[in-house]
Structures are given as structure tokens and as C-alpha cells.
Amino acid sequence: MSFRRYILASRSPRRLELLQQVVHRELIVVSPPPSSEEAGFDDCTSVAAIRQRMLQIARHKAEQVRTQLNNDEAALFERPRTLIISADTTVIVDQDTARPVVLGQPPENDDWRETVRNWFLDHYAGKTHLAATAVHVITPDGRSAERVIETKVTFRSDVAPWLNWYLLTGEPKGKAGGYALQGAGSVFITHVEGSLSNVVGLPLEALLELFAEVSLK
């Protein structure tokens, strides 16, 4: 089955740009979930638990949009074949320790620069971390598929000389982990193992596989 409408349950312009690489823009509708509240990771004591929480977050985003869509279009005799796409991206550091640490987006207040500075110096410099994205796709009638994709990202050890400049660009704001692989943040990265689009926020290789999986159900 081919879909004639793809609903992106996300406010992220980066995810929209990525989705447009595999789906024609005229078929995409951007419909963020009405609530931006998400479960946290404070009680997650392993990478496996973090993966499951990310999937829960992605499912919740998609379900909000699916419920609203079904309510809005309940009276329609026929609707276009539709697929809803949601995702949750985060950075996992110290993944090999007893209690890994999750880094989401920097705070929205004036402390974001100091927070990102600490992330770079304490968790990134000379180390490898995981950039992970949970992707969930679902049709209005409830056929779904999902998975978590992880990419290993290694930073150079001498981040300090460029850190003040990077913070002045403002690029870390609104980015999972406080950096953008596709932007100026690339100057800090020495090696990427896995999907590049996953680090940006939407793993296209996995997304195409999920499209096919739902189509076959």
C-alpha cells in the first residue's frame, strides 16, 4: 500500500527537511502533538530502559495526533491513505557505565551556554557517545511499527579553542545534546559510526523500512 498523506508529528524543521528527502513535500502535513509535555529519564538506569522510554515518548506523540485526526475526520466518507510519523531524539553519554546519562535539549533560559559548555568539556571532548532516535509510524486505524536507531559520535579532544565561538553562534539551542552535526558543530566531530540522518533527528534508512513494514500489514 502506498500512502497519499504523511503527517509529521513534530515541530522540528530539521525533521521536515529530512522527510522531504524521501517523501514529496505536497504529501506532507506538519501536525505537532497538542501537548509538548514528555516523560523524563530520571528513573532510567540503563540504556535499554532509555530506549523503552524514548519509544513511549514517540508513541505518545503519534497517538495524540492520531486521536485528533480521527476526531476531526470522523464524518468523512473517505480519507486519503495516511501515515503518522513521530520521533524522539536524545544523546546518551557514559553509556558503558552503571548509570548512563541522557542529554536532551539545553535549557531555554540564559543558562543554556553554561550547560552546553559543561556537556562539551565533561561528556564530549575526546569521547564517544550515542545519538539515539526512536521512530514510530502508525496509520489512523492503528497499524504501527517502530524502532530505536543509535549512532556513535566521537568528538575531538581539543574542543576548548572553538567552544566560545560555537556558543556565540547560538546553534546549540533547541538541539538534542546541544550540537548540530549538519551545521557548525561538525568541526568538533572526528568520527561517526552509523546513520548520519539519525544524528540530525530522523534516520531515513530505518524510516523507509518502517514504511514498508506498515504497508505489508
Protein backbone atom coordinates (compact mmCIF):
# COMPACT_ATOMS: atom_id res chain seq x y z
CA MET A 1 0.00 0.00 0.00
CA SER A 2 1.27 3.46 -0.86
CA PHE A 3 0.33 6.39 1.34
CA ARG A 4 -1.07 9.62 -0.04
CA ARG A 5 -0.61 11.66 3.12
CA TYR A 6 2.27 11.66 5.60
CA ILE A 7 1.63 13.52 8.85
CA LEU A 8 4.78 14.60 10.67
CA ALA A 9 4.00 14.80 14.38
CA SER A 10 6.90 17.14 15.12
CA ARG A 11 7.74 20.82 15.44
CA SER A 12 11.30 20.22 14.21
CA PRO A 13 12.19 21.94 10.93
CA ARG A 14 15.15 19.57 10.63
CA ARG A 15 12.87 16.53 10.64
CA LEU A 16 10.71 18.13 7.99
CA GLU A 17 13.76 18.77 5.80
CA LEU A 18 14.84 15.15 6.21
CA LEU A 19 11.38 13.75 5.49
CA GLN A 20 11.22 15.78 2.30
CA GLN A 21 14.24 13.85 1.05
CA VAL A 22 12.14 10.66 0.82
CA VAL A 23 8.56 11.99 0.54
CA HIS A 24 7.29 14.68 -1.83
CA ARG A 25 6.56 17.91 0.07
CA GLU A 26 3.00 18.10 -1.27
CA LEU A 27 2.17 14.83 0.52
CA ILE A 28 3.47 16.01 3.92
CA VAL A 29 1.31 17.64 6.59
CA VAL A 30 3.04 19.01 9.69
CA SER A 31 0.84 18.45 12.75
CA PRO A 32 2.70 18.63 16.09
CA PRO A 33 1.04 16.97 19.07
CA PRO A 34 -1.14 19.40 21.04
CA SER A 35 0.84 18.78 24.24
CA SER A 36 4.61 19.14 24.39
CA GLU A 37 4.89 17.51 27.81
CA GLU A 38 7.09 14.42 27.79
CA ALA A 39 8.16 11.80 30.29
CA GLY A 40 11.68 12.22 31.63
CA PHE A 41 14.58 9.82 32.00
CA ASP A 42 15.46 10.27 35.67
CA ASP A 43 14.28 6.77 36.55
CA CYS A 44 16.06 5.09 33.64
CA THR A 45 19.13 3.26 34.94
CA SER A 46 20.25 1.52 31.73
CA VAL A 47 20.47 2.14 28.00
CA ALA A 48 17.74 -0.46 27.50
CA ALA A 49 15.43 1.48 29.80
CA ILE A 50 16.24 4.70 27.97
CA ARG A 51 15.34 3.06 24.65
CA GLN A 52 11.97 1.96 26.01
CA ARG A 53 11.24 5.44 27.40
CA MET A 54 12.10 7.00 24.05
CA LEU A 55 9.68 4.66 22.30
CA GLN A 56 6.99 5.56 24.84
CA ILE A 57 7.55 9.26 24.09
CA ALA A 58 7.38 8.72 20.33
CA ARG A 59 4.21 6.61 20.66
CA HIS A 60 2.58 9.27 22.83
CA LYS A 61 3.30 11.98 20.27
CA ALA A 62 1.84 9.90 17.45
CA GLU A 63 -1.20 8.82 19.46
CA GLN A 64 -2.11 12.41 20.27
CA VAL A 65 -2.08 13.29 16.58
CA ARG A 66 -3.92 10.09 15.59
CA THR A 67 -6.70 10.74 18.10
CA GLN A 68 -7.12 14.32 16.93
CA LEU A 69 -7.09 13.28 13.27
CA ASN A 70 -9.73 10.58 13.78
CA ASN A 71 -11.94 13.03 15.68
CA ASP A 72 -11.60 15.75 13.02
CA GLU A 73 -12.27 13.41 10.11
CA ALA A 74 -14.81 11.05 11.68
CA ALA A 75 -17.61 12.28 9.42
CA LEU A 76 -15.67 11.92 6.16
CA PHE A 77 -16.80 9.11 3.88
CA GLU A 78 -13.31 8.55 2.52
CA ARG A 79 -9.92 9.73 3.72
CA PRO A 80 -6.56 9.62 1.98
CA ARG A 81 -4.33 6.71 2.96
CA THR A 82 -2.40 8.29 5.80
CA LEU A 83 0.72 7.54 7.84
CA ILE A 84 1.63 9.43 11.01
CA ILE A 85 5.34 9.78 11.81
CA SER A 86 6.78 10.70 15.20
CA ALA A 87 10.28 10.64 16.66
CA ASP A 88 12.26 11.37 19.79
CA THR A 89 15.98 12.12 19.65
CA THR A 90 18.40 12.31 22.56
CA VAL A 91 22.08 11.91 23.34
CA ILE A 92 23.28 9.20 25.71
CA VAL A 93 26.67 9.69 27.37
CA ASP A 94 28.60 7.41 29.70
CA GLN A 95 26.64 4.61 28.03
CA ASP A 96 29.06 1.95 29.31
CA THR A 97 28.71 2.92 32.97
CA ALA A 98 26.28 1.60 35.58
CA ARG A 99 24.01 4.63 35.09
CA PRO A 100 24.15 6.30 31.67
CA VAL A 101 23.27 9.98 31.35
CA VAL A 102 20.70 11.42 28.94
CA LEU A 103 21.28 14.86 27.44
CA GLY A 104 18.22 16.42 25.84
CA GLN A 105 17.92 19.97 24.60
CA PRO A 106 19.71 22.75 26.51
CA PRO A 107 17.54 24.78 28.89
CA GLU A 108 15.61 27.63 27.32
CA ASN A 109 16.78 30.18 29.90
CA ASP A 110 20.05 32.12 29.92
CA ASP A 111 21.90 29.18 31.49
CA TRP A 112 21.96 27.23 28.22
CA ARG A 113 25.50 28.34 27.31
CA GLU A 114 26.98 27.15 30.60
CA THR A 115 25.05 23.88 30.33
CA VAL A 116 26.33 23.20 26.81
CA ARG A 117 29.87 24.19 27.82
CA ASN A 118 29.79 21.60 30.60
CA TRP A 119 28.43 18.96 28.22
CA PHE A 120 31.26 19.56 25.76
CA LEU A 121 34.03 19.56 28.36
CA ASP A 122 32.73 16.79 30.62
CA HIS A 123 30.99 14.39 28.23
CA TYR A 124 32.12 15.04 24.63
CA ALA A 125 35.78 16.03 24.46
CA GLY A 126 37.83 13.03 23.33
CA LYS A 127 34.93 10.64 23.92
CA THR A 128 32.31 8.68 22.00
CA HIS A 129 28.60 8.99 22.80
CA LEU A 130 25.35 7.66 21.36
CA ALA A 131 22.91 9.78 19.39
CA ALA A 132 19.63 7.85 19.52
CA THR A 133 16.29 8.36 17.80
CA ALA A 134 13.08 6.45 18.47
CA VAL A 135 10.84 6.43 15.39
CA HIS A 136 7.19 5.40 15.46
CA VAL A 137 4.82 5.24 12.48
CA ILE A 138 1.11 4.49 12.72
CA THR A 139 -1.96 4.59 10.46
CA PRO A 140 -5.27 6.10 11.60
CA ASP A 141 -6.66 2.56 12.07
CA GLY A 142 -3.78 1.59 14.37
CA ARG A 143 -1.29 -0.36 12.24
CA SER A 144 2.13 0.60 13.56
CA ALA A 145 5.86 -0.10 13.52
CA GLU A 146 8.77 1.36 15.47
CA ARG A 147 12.42 1.08 16.32
CA VAL A 148 15.32 2.87 18.01
CA ILE A 149 18.35 3.75 15.90
CA GLU A 150 21.70 4.56 17.51
CA THR A 151 24.73 6.26 16.02
CA LYS A 152 28.15 6.51 17.67
CA VAL A 153 29.63 10.01 17.52
CA THR A 154 33.23 10.77 18.51
CA PHE A 155 34.43 14.29 19.37
CA ARG A 156 37.92 15.67 19.13
CA SER A 157 39.72 16.11 22.43
CA ASP A 158 40.63 19.80 21.96
CA VAL A 159 37.14 21.32 21.91
CA ALA A 160 38.06 24.27 24.13
CA PRO A 161 39.64 26.56 21.48
CA TRP A 162 36.41 26.65 19.43
CA LEU A 163 33.86 26.36 22.20
CA ASN A 164 33.30 30.09 22.87
CA TRP A 165 32.88 30.71 19.14
CA TYR A 166 30.39 27.85 18.86
CA LEU A 167 28.30 29.09 21.77
CA LEU A 168 28.16 32.56 20.17
CA THR A 169 26.63 31.06 17.01
CA GLY A 170 23.56 30.08 19.03
CA GLU A 171 23.37 26.81 17.12
CA PRO A 172 23.16 24.56 20.23
CA LYS A 173 19.74 25.97 21.22
CA GLY A 174 16.94 23.54 20.52
CA LYS A 175 19.34 20.74 19.52
CA ALA A 176 19.42 17.38 21.26
CA GLY A 177 22.73 17.22 23.07
CA GLY A 178 23.45 20.86 22.26
CA TYR A 179 25.12 20.45 18.87
CA ALA A 180 24.23 20.09 15.19
CA LEU A 181 26.11 17.53 13.12
CA GLN A 182 24.82 19.15 9.94
CA GLY A 183 25.97 22.62 11.00
CA ALA A 184 28.91 24.35 12.66
CA GLY A 185 29.01 21.59 15.27
CA SER A 186 30.65 19.36 12.67
CA VAL A 187 34.02 20.99 13.45
CA PHE A 188 34.14 19.05 16.73
CA ILE A 189 33.37 15.63 15.28
CA THR A 190 36.10 13.24 14.19
CA HIS A 191 34.13 10.05 13.54
CA VAL A 192 30.55 8.93 13.01
CA GLU A 193 29.57 5.27 13.03
CA GLY A 194 26.04 4.71 11.80
CA SER A 195 23.27 6.79 10.28
CA LEU A 196 24.05 10.48 9.75
CA SER A 197 20.41 11.48 9.40
CA ASN A 198 19.74 9.77 12.73
CA VAL A 199 22.01 12.28 14.50
CA VAL A 200 20.10 15.13 12.85
CA GLY A 201 16.80 13.72 14.12
CA LEU A 202 15.21 11.27 11.65
CA PRO A 203 17.00 8.09 10.47
CA LEU A 204 15.89 7.88 6.85
CA GLU A 205 17.14 4.34 6.26
CA ALA A 206 15.05 2.99 9.13
CA LEU A 207 12.10 5.21 8.17
CA LEU A 208 11.87 3.65 4.71
CA GLU A 209 11.95 0.19 6.29
CA LEU A 210 9.11 1.19 8.63
CA PHE A 211 7.08 2.50 5.68
CA ALA A 212 7.41 -0.90 4.03
CA GLU A 213 6.66 -2.79 7.24
CA VAL A 214 3.38 -0.95 7.84
CA SER A 215 2.39 -1.25 4.18
CA LEU A 216 2.65 -5.03 4.39
CA LYS A 217 0.43 -5.35 7.47
